[in-house]
Amino acid sequence: MSTITTKDGTEIFYKDWGPKEAQPIVFHHGWPLSADDWDNQMLFFLHQGFRVIAHDRRGHGRSSQTATGNEMDTYAADVAELAAHLNLRNAVHIGHSTGGGEVAHYVARAEPGRVAKAVLIGAVPPVMVKSDKNPGGLPIEVFDGFRAALVANRAQFYVDIPTGPFYGFNREGAKVSQGVIDNWWRQGMMGGAKAHYDCIKAFSETDFTEDLKAIEVPVLVMHGDDDQIVPYADSAPLSVKLLRNGTLKTYAGLPHGMCTTHPDVINADLLAFIKG
């Protein structure tokens, strides 16, 4: 099993497939999942000749079940340590949901030459929680509800999310996959309850506005307009306005987990952007 140990002693698990001299693509997963959420994309881009990398965020998957550091500054620092360890240059960083926030926070701080492009998919930036500055956001009570459900019965909560809003399986006519639901639950339950609890604050309350403004590389922002987890109107269009070199691609009727439900569509558009 491939791991690095960060400066604070946390073990971060990662996958690294493909030719070391090929352009790297780094995948950043959403809450409360793991690198396994990118299996389809990693195999697709591996067969396209890329070097593909994905890590389990601290407290998630096979990485250490951390009690501390479960916030965006440390998440981005962990990515920086991984990029240095693997000597990644000219990489494309692709983040889904919370992973999109991690990408924005990392890319805004990355050493020159490390990053070529970035992609935010169903991503949490600019900021999710409602405030005077962000009147279109979700009320804090929504995230308090997440925390309460996690504490009360994490195992059931991690069934309810993929069964319903994450993949749009609660929509009429949806093609429901029990395997996808089970795999979401499996990934979620591998991680640490404390880290997952803390991460709710990280993904909902972190303001990525200044990160987005600071990013100079091209960024593709992809979002389904039927995203029931990260509402479209308060995320993707606002992020693109803040980016210096951003492109918005909106997917009519697609859910939050569209990389899993519609991989052929998403993979083709990712490939076009990376090669463009």
C-alpha atoms as a PDB file:
ATOM      1  CA  MET A   1       0.000   0.000   0.000  1.00  0.00           C
ATOM      2  CA  SER A   2       1.455   3.378  -1.022  1.00  0.00           C
ATOM      3  CA  THR A   3       1.447   6.042   1.683  1.00  0.00           C
ATOM      4  CA  ILE A   4       3.319   9.168   2.659  1.00  0.00           C
ATOM      5  CA  THR A   5       3.705  10.441   6.209  1.00  0.00           C
ATOM      6  CA  THR A   6       3.055  14.173   6.529  1.00  0.00           C
ATOM      7  CA  LYS A   7       4.911  16.587   8.769  1.00  0.00           C
ATOM      8  CA  ASP A   8       2.372  16.063  11.563  1.00  0.00           C
ATOM      9  CA  GLY A   9       2.694  12.257  11.366  1.00  0.00           C
ATOM     10  CA  THR A  10      -0.481  11.557   9.366  1.00  0.00           C
ATOM     11  CA  GLU A  11      -0.373   8.676   6.897  1.00  0.00           C
ATOM     12  CA  ILE A  12      -1.929   9.584   3.555  1.00  0.00           C
ATOM     13  CA  PHE A  13      -2.825   6.679   1.258  1.00  0.00           C
ATOM     14  CA  TYR A  14      -2.536   7.232  -2.482  1.00  0.00           C
ATOM     15  CA  LYS A  15      -2.756   5.418  -5.814  1.00  0.00           C
ATOM     16  CA  ASP A  16      -0.258   6.216  -8.572  1.00  0.00           C
ATOM     17  CA  TRP A  17      -0.794   4.417 -11.870  1.00  0.00           C
ATOM     18  CA  GLY A  18       0.768   4.831 -15.302  1.00  0.00           C
ATOM     19  CA  PRO A  19       4.045   6.045 -16.808  1.00  0.00           C
ATOM     20  CA  LYS A  20       5.964   8.350 -14.476  1.00  0.00           C
ATOM     21  CA  GLU A  21       6.988  10.540 -17.417  1.00  0.00           C
ATOM     22  CA  ALA A  22       3.365  11.067 -18.577  1.00  0.00           C
ATOM     23  CA  GLN A  23       1.339  14.144 -17.656  1.00  0.00           C
ATOM     24  CA  PRO A  24      -0.168  13.579 -14.199  1.00  0.00           C
ATOM     25  CA  ILE A  25      -3.855  13.919 -13.406  1.00  0.00           C
ATOM     26  CA  VAL A  26      -4.615  14.178  -9.687  1.00  0.00           C
ATOM     27  CA  PHE A  27      -8.130  13.366  -8.482  1.00  0.00           C
ATOM     28  CA  HIS A  28      -9.583  14.798  -5.243  1.00  0.00           C
ATOM     29  CA  HIS A  29     -12.641  13.009  -3.822  1.00  0.00           C
ATOM     30  CA  GLY A  30     -15.713  14.359  -2.070  1.00  0.00           C
ATOM     31  CA  TRP A  31     -16.938  13.933   1.502  1.00  0.00           C
ATOM     32  CA  PRO A  32     -16.953  11.328   3.078  1.00  0.00           C
ATOM     33  CA  LEU A  33     -15.539   9.138   0.330  1.00  0.00           C
ATOM     34  CA  SER A  34     -12.094   7.969  -0.827  1.00  0.00           C
ATOM     35  CA  ALA A  35      -9.850   7.691  -3.869  1.00  0.00           C
ATOM     36  CA  ASP A  36     -12.012   4.736  -4.941  1.00  0.00           C
ATOM     37  CA  ASP A  37     -14.730   7.154  -6.002  1.00  0.00           C
ATOM     38  CA  TRP A  38     -12.562   7.928  -9.057  1.00  0.00           C
ATOM     39  CA  ASP A  39     -12.069   4.327 -10.254  1.00  0.00           C
ATOM     40  CA  ASN A  40     -13.871   4.904 -13.561  1.00  0.00           C
ATOM     41  CA  GLN A  41     -12.012   8.127 -14.359  1.00  0.00           C
ATOM     42  CA  MET A  42      -8.628   6.735 -13.301  1.00  0.00           C
ATOM     43  CA  LEU A  43      -8.966   3.681 -15.541  1.00  0.00           C
ATOM     44  CA  PHE A  44     -10.212   5.832 -18.437  1.00  0.00           C
ATOM     45  CA  PHE A  45      -7.332   8.306 -18.279  1.00  0.00           C
ATOM     46  CA  LEU A  46      -4.774   5.572 -17.626  1.00  0.00           C
ATOM     47  CA  HIS A  47      -5.808   4.026 -20.932  1.00  0.00           C
ATOM     48  CA  GLN A  48      -5.430   7.450 -22.571  1.00  0.00           C
ATOM     49  CA  GLY A  49      -1.756   7.430 -21.604  1.00  0.00           C
ATOM     50  CA  PHE A  50      -1.827   9.681 -18.539  1.00  0.00           C
ATOM     51  CA  ARG A  51      -0.308   9.135 -15.104  1.00  0.00           C
ATOM     52  CA  VAL A  52      -3.260   9.053 -12.695  1.00  0.00           C
ATOM     53  CA  ILE A  53      -3.082   9.743  -8.973  1.00  0.00           C
ATOM     54  CA  ALA A  54      -5.703   9.839  -6.238  1.00  0.00           C
ATOM     55  CA  HIS A  55      -5.311  10.047  -2.480  1.00  0.00           C
ATOM     56  CA  ASP A  56      -7.569   9.419   0.489  1.00  0.00           C
ATOM     57  CA  ARG A  57      -7.936  12.739   2.307  1.00  0.00           C
ATOM     58  CA  ARG A  58      -6.798  12.604   5.933  1.00  0.00           C
ATOM     59  CA  GLY A  59      -9.514  11.003   8.056  1.00  0.00           C
ATOM     60  CA  HIS A  60     -11.004   9.323   4.974  1.00  0.00           C
ATOM     61  CA  GLY A  61     -10.566   5.885   3.402  1.00  0.00           C
ATOM     62  CA  ARG A  62      -7.253   4.226   4.195  1.00  0.00           C
ATOM     63  CA  SER A  63      -5.523   7.359   5.501  1.00  0.00           C
ATOM     64  CA  SER A  64      -5.075   8.000   9.240  1.00  0.00           C
ATOM     65  CA  GLN A  65      -8.293   8.616  11.166  1.00  0.00           C
ATOM     66  CA  THR A  66      -7.144  12.046  12.281  1.00  0.00           C
ATOM     67  CA  ALA A  67      -8.507  13.911  15.273  1.00  0.00           C
ATOM     68  CA  THR A  68      -6.931  17.193  14.121  1.00  0.00           C
ATOM     69  CA  GLY A  69      -6.157  18.975  10.865  1.00  0.00           C
ATOM     70  CA  ASN A  70      -9.558  18.246   9.350  1.00  0.00           C
ATOM     71  CA  GLU A  71      -9.827  21.619   7.612  1.00  0.00           C
ATOM     72  CA  MET A  72      -8.893  23.116   4.243  1.00  0.00           C
ATOM     73  CA  ASP A  73      -5.508  24.598   5.133  1.00  0.00           C
ATOM     74  CA  THR A  74      -4.227  21.191   6.232  1.00  0.00           C
ATOM     75  CA  TYR A  75      -5.950  19.346   3.388  1.00  0.00           C
ATOM     76  CA  ALA A  76      -4.150  21.610   0.885  1.00  0.00           C
ATOM     77  CA  ALA A  77      -0.866  21.217   2.751  1.00  0.00           C
ATOM     78  CA  ASP A  78      -1.232  17.428   2.547  1.00  0.00           C
ATOM     79  CA  VAL A  79      -1.694  17.701  -1.231  1.00  0.00           C
ATOM     80  CA  ALA A  80       1.393  19.911  -1.469  1.00  0.00           C
ATOM     81  CA  GLU A  81       3.414  17.287   0.412  1.00  0.00           C
ATOM     82  CA  LEU A  82       2.111  14.534  -1.893  1.00  0.00           C
ATOM     83  CA  ALA A  83       2.911  16.588  -5.012  1.00  0.00           C
ATOM     84  CA  ALA A  84       6.447  17.201  -3.741  1.00  0.00           C
ATOM     85  CA  HIS A  85       6.932  13.540  -2.785  1.00  0.00           C
ATOM     86  CA  LEU A  86       5.861  12.389  -6.256  1.00  0.00           C
ATOM     87  CA  ASN A  87       7.625  15.339  -7.946  1.00  0.00           C
ATOM     88  CA  LEU A  88       4.490  16.243  -9.882  1.00  0.00           C
ATOM     89  CA  ARG A  89       4.940  18.892 -12.585  1.00  0.00           C
ATOM     90  CA  ASN A  90       2.418  20.277 -15.081  1.00  0.00           C
ATOM     91  CA  ALA A  91      -0.383  18.335 -13.348  1.00  0.00           C
ATOM     92  CA  VAL A  92      -4.117  18.606 -13.887  1.00  0.00           C
ATOM     93  CA  HIS A  93      -6.015  18.653 -10.587  1.00  0.00           C
ATOM     94  CA  ILE A  94      -9.641  17.483 -10.693  1.00  0.00           C
ATOM     95  CA  GLY A  95     -11.839  17.844  -7.620  1.00  0.00           C
ATOM     96  CA  HIS A  96     -15.409  16.774  -6.920  1.00  0.00           C
ATOM     97  CA  SER A  97     -17.552  18.443  -4.256  1.00  0.00           C
ATOM     98  CA  THR A  98     -15.352  18.920  -1.144  1.00  0.00           C
ATOM     99  CA  GLY A  99     -12.451  17.859  -3.353  1.00  0.00           C
ATOM    100  CA  GLY A 100     -13.194  20.866  -5.559  1.00  0.00           C
ATOM    101  CA  GLY A 101     -12.665  23.101  -2.563  1.00  0.00           C
ATOM    102  CA  GLU A 102      -9.425  21.280  -1.814  1.00  0.00           C
ATOM    103  CA  VAL A 103      -8.291  21.818  -5.421  1.00  0.00           C
ATOM    104  CA  ALA A 104      -9.058  25.545  -5.292  1.00  0.00           C
ATOM    105  CA  HIS A 105      -7.251  25.932  -1.961  1.00  0.00           C
ATOM    106  CA  TYR A 106      -4.213  23.968  -3.166  1.00  0.00           C
ATOM    107  CA  VAL A 107      -3.898  25.397  -6.693  1.00  0.00           C
ATOM    108  CA  ALA A 108      -4.059  28.960  -5.360  1.00  0.00           C
ATOM    109  CA  ARG A 109      -0.965  28.165  -3.253  1.00  0.00           C
ATOM    110  CA  ALA A 110       0.902  25.678  -5.456  1.00  0.00           C
ATOM    111  CA  GLU A 111       4.568  26.095  -6.337  1.00  0.00           C
ATOM    112  CA  PRO A 112       5.160  27.445  -9.863  1.00  0.00           C
ATOM    113  CA  GLY A 113       5.209  24.660 -12.451  1.00  0.00           C
ATOM    114  CA  ARG A 114       3.282  22.164 -10.350  1.00  0.00           C
ATOM    115  CA  VAL A 115      -0.168  22.792 -11.901  1.00  0.00           C
ATOM    116  CA  ALA A 116      -1.185  23.132 -15.561  1.00  0.00           C
ATOM    117  CA  LYS A 117      -4.982  23.138 -15.281  1.00  0.00           C
ATOM    118  CA  ALA A 118      -7.754  22.477 -12.778  1.00  0.00           C
ATOM    119  CA  VAL A 119     -11.315  21.170 -12.844  1.00  0.00           C
ATOM    120  CA  LEU A 120     -14.068  21.755 -10.277  1.00  0.00           C
ATOM    121  CA  ILE A 121     -16.961  19.271 -10.518  1.00  0.00           C
ATOM    122  CA  GLY A 122     -20.116  19.821  -8.442  1.00  0.00           C
ATOM    123  CA  ALA A 123     -17.735  21.747  -6.223  1.00  0.00           C
ATOM    124  CA  VAL A 124     -18.396  23.621  -2.986  1.00  0.00           C
ATOM    125  CA  PRO A 125     -16.744  26.994  -3.874  1.00  0.00           C
ATOM    126  CA  PRO A 126     -17.160  29.889  -3.513  1.00  0.00           C
ATOM    127  CA  VAL A 127     -18.898  29.159  -0.144  1.00  0.00           C
ATOM    128  CA  MET A 128     -21.883  26.998   0.737  1.00  0.00           C
ATOM    129  CA  VAL A 129     -23.300  28.390   3.963  1.00  0.00           C
ATOM    130  CA  LYS A 130     -25.788  31.273   3.911  1.00  0.00           C
ATOM    131  CA  SER A 131     -24.656  34.630   5.282  1.00  0.00           C
ATOM    132  CA  ASP A 132     -25.139  38.350   4.672  1.00  0.00           C
ATOM    133  CA  LYS A 133     -22.370  38.109   2.054  1.00  0.00           C
ATOM    134  CA  ASN A 134     -23.830  34.919   0.572  1.00  0.00           C
ATOM    135  CA  PRO A 135     -27.629  35.248   0.753  1.00  0.00           C
ATOM    136  CA  GLY A 136     -28.181  32.404  -1.732  1.00  0.00           C
ATOM    137  CA  GLY A 137     -26.362  29.851   0.418  1.00  0.00           C
ATOM    138  CA  LEU A 138     -27.782  27.019   2.479  1.00  0.00           C
ATOM    139  CA  PRO A 139     -28.772  27.826   6.080  1.00  0.00           C
ATOM    140  CA  ILE A 140     -26.375  26.634   8.782  1.00  0.00           C
ATOM    141  CA  GLU A 141     -29.221  24.448  10.066  1.00  0.00           C
ATOM    142  CA  VAL A 142     -28.785  22.193   7.011  1.00  0.00           C
ATOM    143  CA  PHE A 143     -25.219  21.402   8.054  1.00  0.00           C
ATOM    144  CA  ASP A 144     -26.178  21.129  11.705  1.00  0.00           C
ATOM    145  CA  GLY A 145     -28.616  18.469  10.504  1.00  0.00           C
ATOM    146  CA  PHE A 146     -25.772  16.625   8.764  1.00  0.00           C
ATOM    147  CA  ARG A 147     -23.771  16.647  11.998  1.00  0.00           C
ATOM    148  CA  ALA A 148     -26.704  15.456  14.077  1.00  0.00           C
ATOM    149  CA  ALA A 149     -27.458  12.608  11.648  1.00  0.00           C
ATOM    150  CA  LEU A 150     -23.810  11.531  11.627  1.00  0.00           C
ATOM    151  CA  VAL A 151     -23.685  11.408  15.414  1.00  0.00           C
ATOM    152  CA  ALA A 152     -27.049   9.662  15.772  1.00  0.00           C
ATOM    153  CA  ASN A 153     -26.468   6.852  13.245  1.00  0.00           C
ATOM    154  CA  ARG A 154     -23.619   7.330  10.797  1.00  0.00           C
ATOM    155  CA  ALA A 155     -24.192   3.945   9.149  1.00  0.00           C
ATOM    156  CA  GLN A 156     -27.814   4.772   8.294  1.00  0.00           C
ATOM    157  CA  PHE A 157     -26.961   8.341   7.264  1.00  0.00           C
ATOM    158  CA  TYR A 158     -24.445   6.901   4.811  1.00  0.00           C
ATOM    159  CA  VAL A 159     -27.198   4.778   3.281  1.00  0.00           C
ATOM    160  CA  ASP A 160     -29.683   7.639   3.041  1.00  0.00           C
ATOM    161  CA  ILE A 161     -27.403  10.062   1.161  1.00  0.00           C
ATOM    162  CA  PRO A 162     -26.521   7.859  -1.849  1.00  0.00           C
ATOM    163  CA  THR A 163     -29.988   6.278  -1.941  1.00  0.00           C
ATOM    164  CA  GLY A 164     -31.511   9.745  -2.302  1.00  0.00           C
ATOM    165  CA  PRO A 165     -30.008  13.095  -3.285  1.00  0.00           C
ATOM    166  CA  PHE A 166     -26.340  12.325  -4.077  1.00  0.00           C
ATOM    167  CA  TYR A 167     -27.005  10.452  -7.323  1.00  0.00           C
ATOM    168  CA  GLY A 168     -30.522  11.731  -7.938  1.00  0.00           C
ATOM    169  CA  PHE A 169     -31.888   8.259  -7.218  1.00  0.00           C
ATOM    170  CA  ASN A 170     -34.854   9.987  -5.522  1.00  0.00           C
ATOM    171  CA  ARG A 171     -35.947  11.465  -8.872  1.00  0.00           C
ATOM    172  CA  GLU A 172     -38.783   9.900 -10.858  1.00  0.00           C
ATOM    173  CA  GLY A 173     -37.467   7.592 -13.555  1.00  0.00           C
ATOM    174  CA  ALA A 174     -33.958   7.379 -12.096  1.00  0.00           C
ATOM    175  CA  LYS A 175     -32.014   4.208 -12.871  1.00  0.00           C
ATOM    176  CA  VAL A 176     -31.033   3.150  -9.345  1.00  0.00           C
ATOM    177  CA  SER A 177     -27.869   1.092  -8.807  1.00  0.00           C
ATOM    178  CA  GLN A 178     -27.657  -0.785  -5.515  1.00  0.00           C
ATOM    179  CA  GLY A 179     -23.984  -1.408  -6.186  1.00  0.00           C
ATOM    180  CA  VAL A 180     -23.300   2.325  -6.389  1.00  0.00           C
ATOM    181  CA  ILE A 181     -25.201   2.897  -3.131  1.00  0.00           C
ATOM    182  CA  ASP A 182     -23.302   0.092  -1.390  1.00  0.00           C
ATOM    183  CA  ASN A 183     -19.967   1.379  -2.674  1.00  0.00           C
ATOM    184  CA  TRP A 184     -20.698   4.879  -1.336  1.00  0.00           C
ATOM    185  CA  TRP A 185     -21.529   3.360   2.062  1.00  0.00           C
ATOM    186  CA  ARG A 186     -18.396   1.197   1.987  1.00  0.00           C
ATOM    187  CA  GLN A 187     -16.149   4.162   1.292  1.00  0.00           C
ATOM    188  CA  GLY A 188     -17.834   6.345   3.885  1.00  0.00           C
ATOM    189  CA  MET A 189     -17.632   3.801   6.672  1.00  0.00           C
ATOM    190  CA  MET A 190     -13.897   3.265   6.070  1.00  0.00           C
ATOM    191  CA  GLY A 191     -13.176   6.776   7.306  1.00  0.00           C
ATOM    192  CA  GLY A 192     -13.145   8.263  10.794  1.00  0.00           C
ATOM    193  CA  ALA A 193     -16.295   9.693  12.371  1.00  0.00           C
ATOM    194  CA  LYS A 194     -14.421  12.609  14.006  1.00  0.00           C
ATOM    195  CA  ALA A 195     -12.725  13.601  10.742  1.00  0.00           C
ATOM    196  CA  HIS A 196     -16.002  13.358   8.817  1.00  0.00           C
ATOM    197  CA  TYR A 197     -17.788  15.442  11.458  1.00  0.00           C
ATOM    198  CA  ASP A 198     -15.107  18.141  11.283  1.00  0.00           C
ATOM    199  CA  CYS A 199     -15.090  18.088   7.484  1.00  0.00           C
ATOM    200  CA  ILE A 200     -18.742  19.204   7.358  1.00  0.00           C
ATOM    201  CA  LYS A 201     -17.602  22.583   8.692  1.00  0.00           C
ATOM    202  CA  ALA A 202     -14.664  22.605   6.274  1.00  0.00           C
ATOM    203  CA  PHE A 203     -16.779  22.064   3.160  1.00  0.00           C
ATOM    204  CA  SER A 204     -19.709  24.251   4.204  1.00  0.00           C
ATOM    205  CA  GLU A 205     -18.103  27.266   5.880  1.00  0.00           C
ATOM    206  CA  THR A 206     -14.764  27.749   4.092  1.00  0.00           C
ATOM    207  CA  ASP A 207     -14.846  30.819   1.835  1.00  0.00           C
ATOM    208  CA  PHE A 208     -12.839  30.103  -1.330  1.00  0.00           C
ATOM    209  CA  THR A 209     -13.383  33.546  -2.912  1.00  0.00           C
ATOM    210  CA  GLU A 210      -9.768  34.687  -2.617  1.00  0.00           C
ATOM    211  CA  ASP A 211      -8.493  31.282  -3.770  1.00  0.00           C
ATOM    212  CA  LEU A 212     -10.547  31.489  -6.943  1.00  0.00           C
ATOM    213  CA  LYS A 213      -9.338  35.032  -7.635  1.00  0.00           C
ATOM    214  CA  ALA A 214      -5.709  33.964  -7.195  1.00  0.00           C
ATOM    215  CA  ILE A 215      -5.735  30.998  -9.597  1.00  0.00           C
ATOM    216  CA  GLU A 216      -4.033  31.811 -12.896  1.00  0.00           C
ATOM    217  CA  VAL A 217      -4.225  28.452 -14.734  1.00  0.00           C
ATOM    218  CA  PRO A 218      -7.254  27.491 -16.866  1.00  0.00           C
ATOM    219  CA  VAL A 219     -10.119  26.069 -14.806  1.00  0.00           C
ATOM    220  CA  LEU A 220     -13.129  24.099 -16.063  1.00  0.00           C
ATOM    221  CA  VAL A 221     -16.176  24.320 -13.791  1.00  0.00           C
ATOM    222  CA  MET A 222     -18.628  21.440 -14.366  1.00  0.00           C
ATOM    223  CA  HIS A 223     -21.942  21.233 -12.531  1.00  0.00           C
ATOM    224  CA  GLY A 224     -25.273  19.463 -12.921  1.00  0.00           C
ATOM    225  CA  ASP A 225     -28.243  21.796 -12.640  1.00  0.00           C
ATOM    226  CA  ASP A 226     -30.146  19.142 -10.644  1.00  0.00           C
ATOM    227  CA  ASP A 227     -27.423  18.921  -7.989  1.00  0.00           C
ATOM    228  CA  GLN A 228     -29.272  18.401  -4.687  1.00  0.00           C
ATOM    229  CA  ILE A 229     -26.096  18.476  -2.546  1.00  0.00           C
ATOM    230  CA  VAL A 230     -24.297  21.601  -3.812  1.00  0.00           C
ATOM    231  CA  PRO A 231     -27.028  23.797  -5.330  1.00  0.00           C
ATOM    232  CA  TYR A 232     -26.039  25.004  -8.784  1.00  0.00           C
ATOM    233  CA  ALA A 233     -27.049  28.671  -8.613  1.00  0.00           C
ATOM    234  CA  ASP A 234     -24.919  29.459  -5.568  1.00  0.00           C
ATOM    235  CA  SER A 235     -21.796  27.640  -6.739  1.00  0.00           C
ATOM    236  CA  ALA A 236     -20.643  27.109 -10.332  1.00  0.00           C
ATOM    237  CA  PRO A 237     -21.794  30.400 -11.952  1.00  0.00           C
ATOM    238  CA  LEU A 238     -20.387  32.409  -9.039  1.00  0.00           C
ATOM    239  CA  SER A 239     -17.059  30.554  -9.136  1.00  0.00           C
ATOM    240  CA  VAL A 240     -16.592  31.213 -12.850  1.00  0.00           C
ATOM    241  CA  LYS A 241     -17.082  34.944 -12.326  1.00  0.00           C
ATOM    242  CA  LEU A 242     -14.249  34.955  -9.765  1.00  0.00           C
ATOM    243  CA  LEU A 243     -11.780  32.944 -11.857  1.00  0.00           C
ATOM    244  CA  ARG A 244      -9.328  34.710 -14.186  1.00  0.00           C
ATOM    245  CA  ASN A 245      -9.461  31.923 -16.770  1.00  0.00           C
ATOM    246  CA  GLY A 246     -12.586  29.917 -16.021  1.00  0.00           C
ATOM    247  CA  THR A 247     -15.036  28.053 -18.267  1.00  0.00           C
ATOM    248  CA  LEU A 248     -18.484  26.909 -17.114  1.00  0.00           C
ATOM    249  CA  LYS A 249     -20.110  23.729 -18.414  1.00  0.00           C
ATOM    250  CA  THR A 250     -23.621  23.073 -17.134  1.00  0.00           C
ATOM    251  CA  TYR A 251     -25.284  19.656 -17.375  1.00  0.00           C
ATOM    252  CA  ALA A 252     -29.051  19.739 -17.652  1.00  0.00           C
ATOM    253  CA  GLY A 253     -30.753  17.378 -15.228  1.00  0.00           C
ATOM    254  CA  LEU A 254     -27.578  15.745 -13.936  1.00  0.00           C
ATOM    255  CA  PRO A 255     -27.040  15.055 -10.223  1.00  0.00           C
ATOM    256  CA  HIS A 256     -24.214  15.744  -7.781  1.00  0.00           C
ATOM    257  CA  GLY A 257     -22.614  12.344  -8.419  1.00  0.00           C
ATOM    258  CA  MET A 258     -22.615  12.696 -12.194  1.00  0.00           C
ATOM    259  CA  CYS A 259     -19.048  11.343 -12.553  1.00  0.00           C
ATOM    260  CA  THR A 260     -20.510   7.981 -11.467  1.00  0.00           C
ATOM    261  CA  THR A 261     -23.943   8.154 -13.100  1.00  0.00           C
ATOM    262  CA  HIS A 262     -22.737   9.618 -16.435  1.00  0.00           C
ATOM    263  CA  PRO A 263     -19.013   8.811 -16.716  1.00  0.00           C
ATOM    264  CA  ASP A 264     -18.957   8.671 -20.522  1.00  0.00           C
ATOM    265  CA  VAL A 265     -20.230  12.253 -20.742  1.00  0.00           C
ATOM    266  CA  ILE A 266     -17.948  13.605 -18.020  1.00  0.00           C
ATOM    267  CA  ASN A 267     -14.814  11.723 -19.129  1.00  0.00           C
ATOM    268  CA  ALA A 268     -15.127  12.955 -22.724  1.00  0.00           C
ATOM    269  CA  ASP A 269     -15.445  16.563 -21.605  1.00  0.00           C
ATOM    270  CA  LEU A 270     -12.528  16.217 -19.178  1.00  0.00           C
ATOM    271  CA  LEU A 271     -10.353  14.766 -21.935  1.00  0.00           C
ATOM    272  CA  ALA A 272     -11.253  17.576 -24.329  1.00  0.00           C
ATOM    273  CA  PHE A 273     -10.373  20.196 -21.714  1.00  0.00           C
ATOM    274  CA  ILE A 274      -7.083  18.546 -20.742  1.00  0.00           C
ATOM    275  CA  LYS A 275      -5.979  18.159 -24.360  1.00  0.00           C
ATOM    276  CA  GLY A 276      -7.352  21.537 -25.468  1.00  0.00           C
END
